[in-house]
C-alpha atoms as a PDB file:
ATOM      1  CA  MET A   1      73.492  -6.276  30.599  1.00  0.00           C
ATOM      2  CA  THR A   2      71.415  -5.229  33.585  1.00  0.00           C
ATOM      3  CA  ARG A   3      72.349  -5.441  37.243  1.00  0.00           C
ATOM      4  CA  ARG A   4      70.434  -7.212  39.975  1.00  0.00           C
ATOM      5  CA  PRO A   5      69.133  -5.007  42.831  1.00  0.00           C
ATOM      6  CA  GLU A   6      71.623  -6.606  45.241  1.00  0.00           C
ATOM      7  CA  ASP A   7      74.484  -5.590  42.908  1.00  0.00           C
ATOM      8  CA  LYS A   8      73.873  -1.853  43.436  1.00  0.00           C
ATOM      9  CA  PRO A   9      77.102  -0.044  44.381  1.00  0.00           C
ATOM     10  CA  THR A  10      77.135   2.189  47.404  1.00  0.00           C
ATOM     11  CA  ARG A  11      77.150   5.967  47.102  1.00  0.00           C
ATOM     12  CA  ALA A  12      80.719   5.987  48.404  1.00  0.00           C
ATOM     13  CA  LEU A  13      81.918   4.560  45.098  1.00  0.00           C
ATOM     14  CA  ARG A  14      81.098   7.753  43.203  1.00  0.00           C
ATOM     15  CA  GLY A  15      84.122  10.024  43.003  1.00  0.00           C
ATOM     16  CA  ARG A  16      84.278  13.768  42.474  1.00  0.00           C
ATOM     17  CA  ALA A  17      85.857  13.172  39.080  1.00  0.00           C
ATOM     18  CA  GLY A  18      82.480  11.948  37.847  1.00  0.00           C
ATOM     19  CA  ARG A  19      80.928  15.416  37.955  1.00  0.00           C
ATOM     20  CA  MET A  20      79.016  16.208  34.802  1.00  0.00           C
ATOM     21  CA  LYS A  21      79.161  19.719  33.404  1.00  0.00           C
ATOM     22  CA  GLY A  22      75.893  19.467  31.496  1.00  0.00           C
ATOM     23  CA  GLY A  23      73.657  21.555  33.739  1.00  0.00           C
ATOM     24  CA  ARG A  24      70.568  23.445  32.732  1.00  0.00           C
ATOM     25  CA  GLY A  25      71.178  25.855  29.892  1.00  0.00           C
ATOM     26  CA  SER A  26      74.457  24.306  28.701  1.00  0.00           C
ATOM     27  CA  GLY A  27      74.747  25.074  25.011  1.00  0.00           C
ATOM     28  CA  ARG A  28      71.076  25.759  24.406  1.00  0.00           C
ATOM     29  CA  ALA A  29      68.443  28.467  24.382  1.00  0.00           C
ATOM     30  CA  SER A  30      67.332  28.314  28.012  1.00  0.00           C
ATOM     31  CA  THR A  31      69.856  31.002  28.925  1.00  0.00           C
ATOM     32  CA  GLY A  32      68.993  34.707  28.885  1.00  0.00           C
ATOM     33  CA  ALA A  33      65.479  36.085  29.230  1.00  0.00           C
ATOM     34  CA  VAL A  34      62.375  33.962  29.757  1.00  0.00           C
ATOM     35  CA  ARG A  35      58.775  35.183  29.588  1.00  0.00           C
ATOM     36  CA  LEU A  36      56.311  33.500  31.938  1.00  0.00           C
ATOM     37  CA  TRP A  37      52.553  33.912  32.231  1.00  0.00           C
ATOM     38  CA  GLY A  38      49.641  32.645  34.286  1.00  0.00           C
ATOM     39  CA  ARG A  39      49.065  33.009  38.031  1.00  0.00           C
ATOM     40  CA  HIS A  40      50.734  29.824  39.292  1.00  0.00           C
ATOM     41  CA  ALA A  41      53.805  30.123  37.066  1.00  0.00           C
ATOM     42  CA  VAL A  42      54.324  33.832  37.753  1.00  0.00           C
ATOM     43  CA  GLU A  43      53.602  33.576  41.473  1.00  0.00           C
ATOM     44  CA  ALA A  44      56.061  30.693  41.905  1.00  0.00           C
ATOM     45  CA  ALA A  45      58.726  32.608  39.978  1.00  0.00           C
ATOM     46  CA  LEU A  46      58.200  35.706  42.129  1.00  0.00           C
ATOM     47  CA  LEU A  47      58.593  33.608  45.289  1.00  0.00           C
ATOM     48  CA  ASN A  48      61.713  31.824  44.023  1.00  0.00           C
ATOM     49  CA  PRO A  49      64.823  33.522  45.483  1.00  0.00           C
ATOM     50  CA  GLU A  50      66.934  31.874  42.751  1.00  0.00           C
ATOM     51  CA  ARG A  51      64.978  33.620  39.984  1.00  0.00           C
ATOM     52  CA  ARG A  52      66.122  37.064  38.823  1.00  0.00           C
ATOM     53  CA  HIS A  53      63.130  39.140  37.750  1.00  0.00           C
ATOM     54  CA  ARG A  54      63.121  41.907  35.183  1.00  0.00           C
ATOM     55  CA  LYS A  55      59.614  43.270  34.735  1.00  0.00           C
ATOM     56  CA  LEU A  56      55.996  42.365  35.386  1.00  0.00           C
ATOM     57  CA  TRP A  57      53.143  43.353  33.106  1.00  0.00           C
ATOM     58  CA  ALA A  58      49.841  42.925  34.881  1.00  0.00           C
ATOM     59  CA  THR A  59      46.225  43.849  35.309  1.00  0.00           C
ATOM     60  CA  ARG A  60      45.208  45.008  38.778  1.00  0.00           C
ATOM     61  CA  GLU A  61      42.976  41.958  39.053  1.00  0.00           C
ATOM     62  CA  GLY A  62      45.930  39.723  38.233  1.00  0.00           C
ATOM     63  CA  VAL A  63      48.088  41.225  40.985  1.00  0.00           C
ATOM     64  CA  ALA A  64      45.186  41.037  43.446  1.00  0.00           C
ATOM     65  CA  ALA A  65      44.934  37.296  42.784  1.00  0.00           C
ATOM     66  CA  LEU A  66      48.520  36.676  43.947  1.00  0.00           C
ATOM     67  CA  ASN A  67      48.801  35.070  47.378  1.00  0.00           C
ATOM     68  CA  GLY A  68      51.624  37.363  48.480  1.00  0.00           C
ATOM     69  CA  GLU A  69      52.456  41.021  47.975  1.00  0.00           C
ATOM     70  CA  LEU A  70      54.940  42.118  45.345  1.00  0.00           C
ATOM     71  CA  PRO A  71      58.412  43.096  46.606  1.00  0.00           C
ATOM     72  CA  GLU A  72      58.819  46.785  47.348  1.00  0.00           C
ATOM     73  CA  ASN A  73      59.572  48.913  44.267  1.00  0.00           C
ATOM     74  CA  PHE A  74      59.025  45.912  41.985  1.00  0.00           C
ATOM     75  CA  PRO A  75      58.785  47.116  38.341  1.00  0.00           C
ATOM     76  CA  VAL A  76      55.157  46.700  37.253  1.00  0.00           C
ATOM     77  CA  GLU A  77      53.571  48.039  34.092  1.00  0.00           C
ATOM     78  CA  TRP A  78      49.785  48.046  34.323  1.00  0.00           C
ATOM     79  CA  ALA A  79      48.105  46.802  31.186  1.00  0.00           C
ATOM     80  CA  SER A  80      44.767  45.644  29.862  1.00  0.00           C
ATOM     81  CA  PRO A  81      44.074  41.951  29.161  1.00  0.00           C
ATOM     82  CA  ALA A  82      44.229  42.695  25.447  1.00  0.00           C
ATOM     83  CA  ASP A  83      47.662  44.318  25.812  1.00  0.00           C
ATOM     84  CA  LEU A  84      48.934  41.300  27.731  1.00  0.00           C
ATOM     85  CA  GLY A  85      47.584  39.018  25.030  1.00  0.00           C
ATOM     86  CA  ARG A  86      49.994  40.647  22.587  1.00  0.00           C
ATOM     87  CA  LEU A  87      52.976  39.736  24.795  1.00  0.00           C
ATOM     88  CA  VAL A  88      52.365  35.984  24.856  1.00  0.00           C
ATOM     89  CA  THR A  89      51.670  33.189  22.406  1.00  0.00           C
ATOM     90  CA  ARG A  90      48.280  33.280  20.742  1.00  0.00           C
ATOM     91  CA  ASP A  91      45.380  32.465  23.065  1.00  0.00           C
ATOM     92  CA  ALA A  92      47.742  31.789  26.000  1.00  0.00           C
ATOM     93  CA  PRO A  93      45.819  31.996  29.324  1.00  0.00           C
ATOM     94  CA  HIS A  94      47.902  34.765  30.912  1.00  0.00           C
ATOM     95  CA  GLN A  95      45.386  35.413  33.736  1.00  0.00           C
ATOM     96  CA  GLY A  96      46.431  39.050  33.911  1.00  0.00           C
ATOM     97  CA  LEU A  97      50.126  38.356  34.630  1.00  0.00           C
ATOM     98  CA  VAL A  98      53.177  38.316  32.325  1.00  0.00           C
ATOM     99  CA  LEU A  99      56.681  38.230  33.833  1.00  0.00           C
ATOM    100  CA  ASP A 100      60.033  38.765  32.158  1.00  0.00           C
ATOM    101  CA  CYS A 101      62.884  37.141  34.086  1.00  0.00           C
ATOM    102  CA  ASP A 102      66.237  35.421  33.663  1.00  0.00           C
ATOM    103  CA  ALA A 103      66.479  31.695  33.044  1.00  0.00           C
ATOM    104  CA  LEU A 104      67.341  29.682  36.125  1.00  0.00           C
ATOM    105  CA  GLU A 105      70.969  28.892  36.863  1.00  0.00           C
ATOM    106  CA  ASP A 106      72.527  25.570  35.902  1.00  0.00           C
ATOM    107  CA  VAL A 107      71.854  22.552  38.108  1.00  0.00           C
ATOM    108  CA  TYR A 108      74.455  19.772  38.063  1.00  0.00           C
ATOM    109  CA  LEU A 109      73.810  16.066  38.394  1.00  0.00           C
ATOM    110  CA  GLU A 110      76.300  15.575  41.205  1.00  0.00           C
ATOM    111  CA  ASP A 111      74.494  18.156  43.327  1.00  0.00           C
ATOM    112  CA  VAL A 112      71.209  16.272  42.899  1.00  0.00           C
ATOM    113  CA  LEU A 113      72.783  12.889  43.677  1.00  0.00           C
ATOM    114  CA  ASP A 114      74.159  14.304  46.917  1.00  0.00           C
ATOM    115  CA  GLY A 115      70.562  14.782  48.151  1.00  0.00           C
ATOM    116  CA  ASP A 116      68.015  12.448  49.723  1.00  0.00           C
ATOM    117  CA  PRO A 117      68.282   8.999  48.033  1.00  0.00           C
ATOM    118  CA  ALA A 118      64.728   8.151  49.120  1.00  0.00           C
ATOM    119  CA  ARG A 119      63.389  10.639  46.573  1.00  0.00           C
ATOM    120  CA  PRO A 120      63.033   9.270  43.014  1.00  0.00           C
ATOM    121  CA  LEU A 121      64.861  10.724  40.047  1.00  0.00           C
ATOM    122  CA  VAL A 122      63.093  11.182  36.681  1.00  0.00           C
ATOM    123  CA  VAL A 123      65.128  10.766  33.487  1.00  0.00           C
ATOM    124  CA  LEU A 124      63.560  11.796  30.168  1.00  0.00           C
ATOM    125  CA  ASP A 125      64.968  10.512  26.880  1.00  0.00           C
ATOM    126  CA  GLN A 126      64.137  12.982  24.097  1.00  0.00           C
ATOM    127  CA  VAL A 127      60.752  14.059  25.445  1.00  0.00           C
ATOM    128  CA  THR A 128      60.485  17.316  23.507  1.00  0.00           C
ATOM    129  CA  ASP A 129      56.904  18.548  23.977  1.00  0.00           C
ATOM    130  CA  PRO A 130      56.949  21.429  26.510  1.00  0.00           C
ATOM    131  CA  HIS A 131      53.433  20.554  27.673  1.00  0.00           C
ATOM    132  CA  ASN A 132      54.558  17.025  28.547  1.00  0.00           C
ATOM    133  CA  VAL A 133      57.763  18.137  30.263  1.00  0.00           C
ATOM    134  CA  GLY A 134      55.823  20.756  32.210  1.00  0.00           C
ATOM    135  CA  ALA A 135      53.226  18.190  33.304  1.00  0.00           C
ATOM    136  CA  ILE A 136      56.008  15.780  34.337  1.00  0.00           C
ATOM    137  CA  LEU A 137      57.603  18.542  36.419  1.00  0.00           C
ATOM    138  CA  ARG A 138      54.250  19.068  38.123  1.00  0.00           C
ATOM    139  CA  SER A 139      53.968  15.349  38.947  1.00  0.00           C
ATOM    140  CA  ALA A 140      57.596  15.296  40.085  1.00  0.00           C
ATOM    141  CA  ALA A 141      56.800  18.061  42.563  1.00  0.00           C
ATOM    142  CA  ALA A 142      53.606  16.337  43.712  1.00  0.00           C
ATOM    143  CA  PHE A 143      55.358  13.017  44.431  1.00  0.00           C
ATOM    144  CA  ASN A 144      58.571  14.474  45.882  1.00  0.00           C
ATOM    145  CA  ALA A 145      60.998  13.583  43.099  1.00  0.00           C
ATOM    146  CA  CYS A 146      64.438  15.072  43.614  1.00  0.00           C
ATOM    147  CA  ALA A 147      64.920  16.255  39.998  1.00  0.00           C
ATOM    148  CA  ILE A 148      64.326  15.600  36.324  1.00  0.00           C
ATOM    149  CA  VAL A 149      67.237  14.887  33.988  1.00  0.00           C
ATOM    150  CA  THR A 150      67.158  15.532  30.243  1.00  0.00           C
ATOM    151  CA  GLN A 151      69.643  15.766  27.414  1.00  0.00           C
ATOM    152  CA  ASP A 152      70.578  19.286  26.359  1.00  0.00           C
ATOM    153  CA  ARG A 153      69.867  18.995  22.654  1.00  0.00           C
ATOM    154  CA  HIS A 154      66.633  17.001  22.738  1.00  0.00           C
ATOM    155  CA  ALA A 155      64.502  18.717  25.368  1.00  0.00           C
ATOM    156  CA  PRO A 156      62.506  21.937  25.310  1.00  0.00           C
ATOM    157  CA  PRO A 157      64.005  25.130  26.750  1.00  0.00           C
ATOM    158  CA  GLU A 158      62.482  27.020  29.637  1.00  0.00           C
ATOM    159  CA  SER A 159      59.449  28.808  28.284  1.00  0.00           C
ATOM    160  CA  GLY A 160      56.114  30.276  29.239  1.00  0.00           C
ATOM    161  CA  THR A 161      54.287  27.293  27.753  1.00  0.00           C
ATOM    162  CA  LEU A 162      56.344  24.809  29.774  1.00  0.00           C
ATOM    163  CA  ALA A 163      56.084  26.861  32.979  1.00  0.00           C
ATOM    164  CA  LYS A 164      52.305  27.193  32.600  1.00  0.00           C
ATOM    165  CA  SER A 165      51.987  23.404  32.186  1.00  0.00           C
ATOM    166  CA  ALA A 166      54.220  22.908  35.240  1.00  0.00           C
ATOM    167  CA  SER A 167      51.920  25.143  37.319  1.00  0.00           C
ATOM    168  CA  GLY A 168      54.771  26.465  39.466  1.00  0.00           C
ATOM    169  CA  ALA A 169      56.820  23.239  39.627  1.00  0.00           C
ATOM    170  CA  LEU A 170      59.526  24.664  37.344  1.00  0.00           C
ATOM    171  CA  GLU A 171      60.622  26.784  40.308  1.00  0.00           C
ATOM    172  CA  VAL A 172      60.840  23.957  42.858  1.00  0.00           C
ATOM    173  CA  VAL A 173      62.004  20.819  40.973  1.00  0.00           C
ATOM    174  CA  PRO A 174      65.674  20.937  39.869  1.00  0.00           C
ATOM    175  CA  TRP A 175      66.084  20.382  36.150  1.00  0.00           C
ATOM    176  CA  VAL A 176      69.448  18.898  35.187  1.00  0.00           C
ATOM    177  CA  ARG A 177      70.462  19.140  31.533  1.00  0.00           C
ATOM    178  CA  VAL A 178      73.313  16.855  30.496  1.00  0.00           C
ATOM    179  CA  VAL A 179      75.331  16.505  27.309  1.00  0.00           C
ATOM    180  CA  ASN A 180      75.338  12.672  27.326  1.00  0.00           C
ATOM    181  CA  LEU A 181      72.317  10.921  28.841  1.00  0.00           C
ATOM    182  CA  ALA A 182      73.906   7.449  28.817  1.00  0.00           C
ATOM    183  CA  ARG A 183      76.889   8.748  30.761  1.00  0.00           C
ATOM    184  CA  ALA A 184      74.512  10.417  33.210  1.00  0.00           C
ATOM    185  CA  LEU A 185      72.746   7.085  33.737  1.00  0.00           C
ATOM    186  CA  ASP A 186      76.128   5.510  34.519  1.00  0.00           C
ATOM    187  CA  GLU A 187      76.723   8.103  37.222  1.00  0.00           C
ATOM    188  CA  ILE A 188      73.191   7.630  38.542  1.00  0.00           C
ATOM    189  CA  ALA A 189      73.876   3.897  38.877  1.00  0.00           C
ATOM    190  CA  GLU A 190      77.177   4.569  40.656  1.00  0.00           C
ATOM    191  CA  ALA A 191      75.236   6.676  43.140  1.00  0.00           C
ATOM    192  CA  GLY A 192      73.170   3.616  44.069  1.00  0.00           C
ATOM    193  CA  TYR A 193      69.978   4.185  42.045  1.00  0.00           C
ATOM    194  CA  TRP A 194      68.114   1.296  40.408  1.00  0.00           C
ATOM    195  CA  ARG A 195      67.331   2.489  36.860  1.00  0.00           C
ATOM    196  CA  ILE A 196      63.866   1.378  35.714  1.00  0.00           C
ATOM    197  CA  GLY A 197      62.885   2.078  32.126  1.00  0.00           C
ATOM    198  CA  LEU A 198      59.146   2.337  31.546  1.00  0.00           C
ATOM    199  CA  ASP A 199      58.301   0.275  28.476  1.00  0.00           C
ATOM    200  CA  GLY A 200      55.011  -1.250  27.363  1.00  0.00           C
ATOM    201  CA  ALA A 201      56.887  -4.398  26.310  1.00  0.00           C
ATOM    202  CA  GLY A 202      58.444  -4.890  29.731  1.00  0.00           C
ATOM    203  CA  LYS A 203      58.028  -8.417  31.133  1.00  0.00           C
ATOM    204  CA  SER A 204      57.464  -7.186  34.699  1.00  0.00           C
ATOM    205  CA  THR A 205      54.952  -4.674  35.967  1.00  0.00           C
ATOM    206  CA  LEU A 206      56.365  -1.597  37.655  1.00  0.00           C
ATOM    207  CA  ALA A 207      55.194  -2.852  41.053  1.00  0.00           C
ATOM    208  CA  GLU A 208      57.114  -6.098  40.510  1.00  0.00           C
ATOM    209  CA  ALA A 209      60.271  -4.293  39.365  1.00  0.00           C
ATOM    210  CA  LEU A 210      60.475  -1.716  42.146  1.00  0.00           C
ATOM    211  CA  PRO A 211      63.311  -2.259  44.630  1.00  0.00           C
ATOM    212  CA  ALA A 212      63.331  -1.057  48.222  1.00  0.00           C
ATOM    213  CA  GLY A 213      66.119   1.458  47.590  1.00  0.00           C
ATOM    214  CA  PRO A 214      66.683   4.546  45.410  1.00  0.00           C
ATOM    215  CA  VAL A 215      64.911   4.581  42.021  1.00  0.00           C
ATOM    216  CA  ALA A 216      65.617   6.431  38.793  1.00  0.00           C
ATOM    217  CA  LEU A 217      62.570   6.317  36.509  1.00  0.00           C
ATOM    218  CA  VAL A 218      63.492   6.479  32.805  1.00  0.00           C
ATOM    219  CA  LEU A 219      60.891   7.462  30.197  1.00  0.00           C
ATOM    220  CA  GLY A 220      61.196   7.805  26.440  1.00  0.00           C
ATOM    221  CA  ALA A 221      59.444   9.969  23.901  1.00  0.00           C
ATOM    222  CA  GLU A 222      55.942   9.103  22.768  1.00  0.00           C
ATOM    223  CA  GLY A 223      55.951   6.884  19.709  1.00  0.00           C
ATOM    224  CA  ASP A 224      59.652   6.039  19.557  1.00  0.00           C
ATOM    225  CA  GLY A 225      60.091   5.333  23.260  1.00  0.00           C
ATOM    226  CA  MET A 226      63.563   5.035  24.737  1.00  0.00           C
ATOM    227  CA  ARG A 227      66.519   4.799  22.390  1.00  0.00           C
ATOM    228  CA  HIS A 228      68.347   1.458  22.297  1.00  0.00           C
ATOM    229  CA  ASN A 229      71.427   2.870  24.013  1.00  0.00           C
ATOM    230  CA  ILE A 230      69.293   4.203  26.859  1.00  0.00           C
ATOM    231  CA  VAL A 231      67.510   0.849  27.232  1.00  0.00           C
ATOM    232  CA  GLN A 232      70.947  -0.747  27.564  1.00  0.00           C
ATOM    233  CA  HIS A 233      71.664   1.600  30.473  1.00  0.00           C
ATOM    234  CA  CYS A 234      68.558   0.544  32.419  1.00  0.00           C
ATOM    235  CA  ASP A 235      68.708  -2.119  35.113  1.00  0.00           C
ATOM    236  CA  ALA A 236      65.138  -3.281  34.406  1.00  0.00           C
ATOM    237  CA  LEU A 237      62.288  -2.602  32.004  1.00  0.00           C
ATOM    238  CA  ALA A 238      58.796  -2.428  33.439  1.00  0.00           C
ATOM    239  CA  ARG A 239      55.296  -1.760  32.168  1.00  0.00           C
ATOM    240  CA  LEU A 240      52.176  -0.261  33.628  1.00  0.00           C
ATOM    241  CA  PRO A 241      49.319  -2.820  33.791  1.00  0.00           C
ATOM    242  CA  ILE A 242      46.932  -0.932  31.507  1.00  0.00           C
ATOM    243  CA  SER A 243      43.923  -2.396  29.749  1.00  0.00           C
ATOM    244  CA  SER A 244      44.288  -3.879  26.269  1.00  0.00           C
ATOM    245  CA  ALA A 245      41.595  -1.443  25.166  1.00  0.00           C
ATOM    246  CA  ILE A 246      44.280   1.215  24.709  1.00  0.00           C
ATOM    247  CA  GLU A 247      47.793   0.840  23.322  1.00  0.00           C
ATOM    248  CA  SER A 248      49.651   3.279  25.558  1.00  0.00           C
ATOM    249  CA  LEU A 249      49.434   6.326  27.809  1.00  0.00           C
ATOM    250  CA  ASN A 250      50.658   9.847  27.245  1.00  0.00           C
ATOM    251  CA  VAL A 251      54.188  10.080  28.669  1.00  0.00           C
ATOM    252  CA  SER A 252      53.163  12.647  31.276  1.00  0.00           C
ATOM    253  CA  ASN A 253      50.266  10.444  32.449  1.00  0.00           C
ATOM    254  CA  ALA A 254      52.581   7.443  32.627  1.00  0.00           C
ATOM    255  CA  ALA A 255      55.096   9.460  34.645  1.00  0.00           C
ATOM    256  CA  ALA A 256      52.423  10.526  37.134  1.00  0.00           C
ATOM    257  CA  ILE A 257      51.191   6.946  37.656  1.00  0.00           C
ATOM    258  CA  ALA A 258      54.731   5.590  37.993  1.00  0.00           C
ATOM    259  CA  LEU A 259      55.737   8.288  40.493  1.00  0.00           C
ATOM    260  CA  TYR A 260      52.648   7.515  42.541  1.00  0.00           C
ATOM    261  CA  ALA A 261      53.565   3.818  42.526  1.00  0.00           C
ATOM    262  CA  ILE A 262      57.075   4.644  43.743  1.00  0.00           C
ATOM    263  CA  ALA A 263      55.715   6.902  46.484  1.00  0.00           C
ATOM    264  CA  ALA A 264      53.148   4.303  47.582  1.00  0.00           C
ATOM    265  CA  ARG A 265      55.460   1.272  47.714  1.00  0.00           C
ATOM    266  CA  THR A 266      55.766  -0.445  51.072  1.00  0.00           C
END
């Protein structure tokens, strides 16, 4: 059963006991070392004070293309483009920069919900393609979303492919990994967010479903969409008013359009 917008509880109803311990890296492979490549991904990681760096392999042209100077005594190993190509996935556009660093520290849902409620929250249900998650992170950064939330076991780990698709957004948009996505949606509702699931079969358009207050946008995997249990934890289902000439949009494209609609609402 869904709630009406006027039934939203206030943020004061959420107690400290509701804290979820499913932050980024919990029980999955996004802990330890991560290898990033490409100018935007590497530059953003170098500028992120929360990122612990290990070593940079680079061409001199790659370093020259960075907007800022490297920290003093930063470990750099100069290499040719061909040498760098051997350090990354086949045909990856490294742009003369390959960085080894530690995965980012865990981010917890309660910390995100304690932020600005005017910023939307993006919840992804089993979106596993790193290109899509990276593109959604990029859109989340562009439209001032406060975080993305995924389940630990059904989301890609931090990786060079994901970071390249995010074009630096991996370093600026908090990524909360939770053990139980339905439970996380309960806590999101208790914090006062109106949970809108994007679904092509939704009776209302997104513009019609948007409330004036805080919004959590819920998106499912391509093909299967949201799982039934996740649909049951949404307050409303909404669709994008796309032409009948095409069945659906890529999930990252849909996320970008929906985040724009949230940002542009009056």
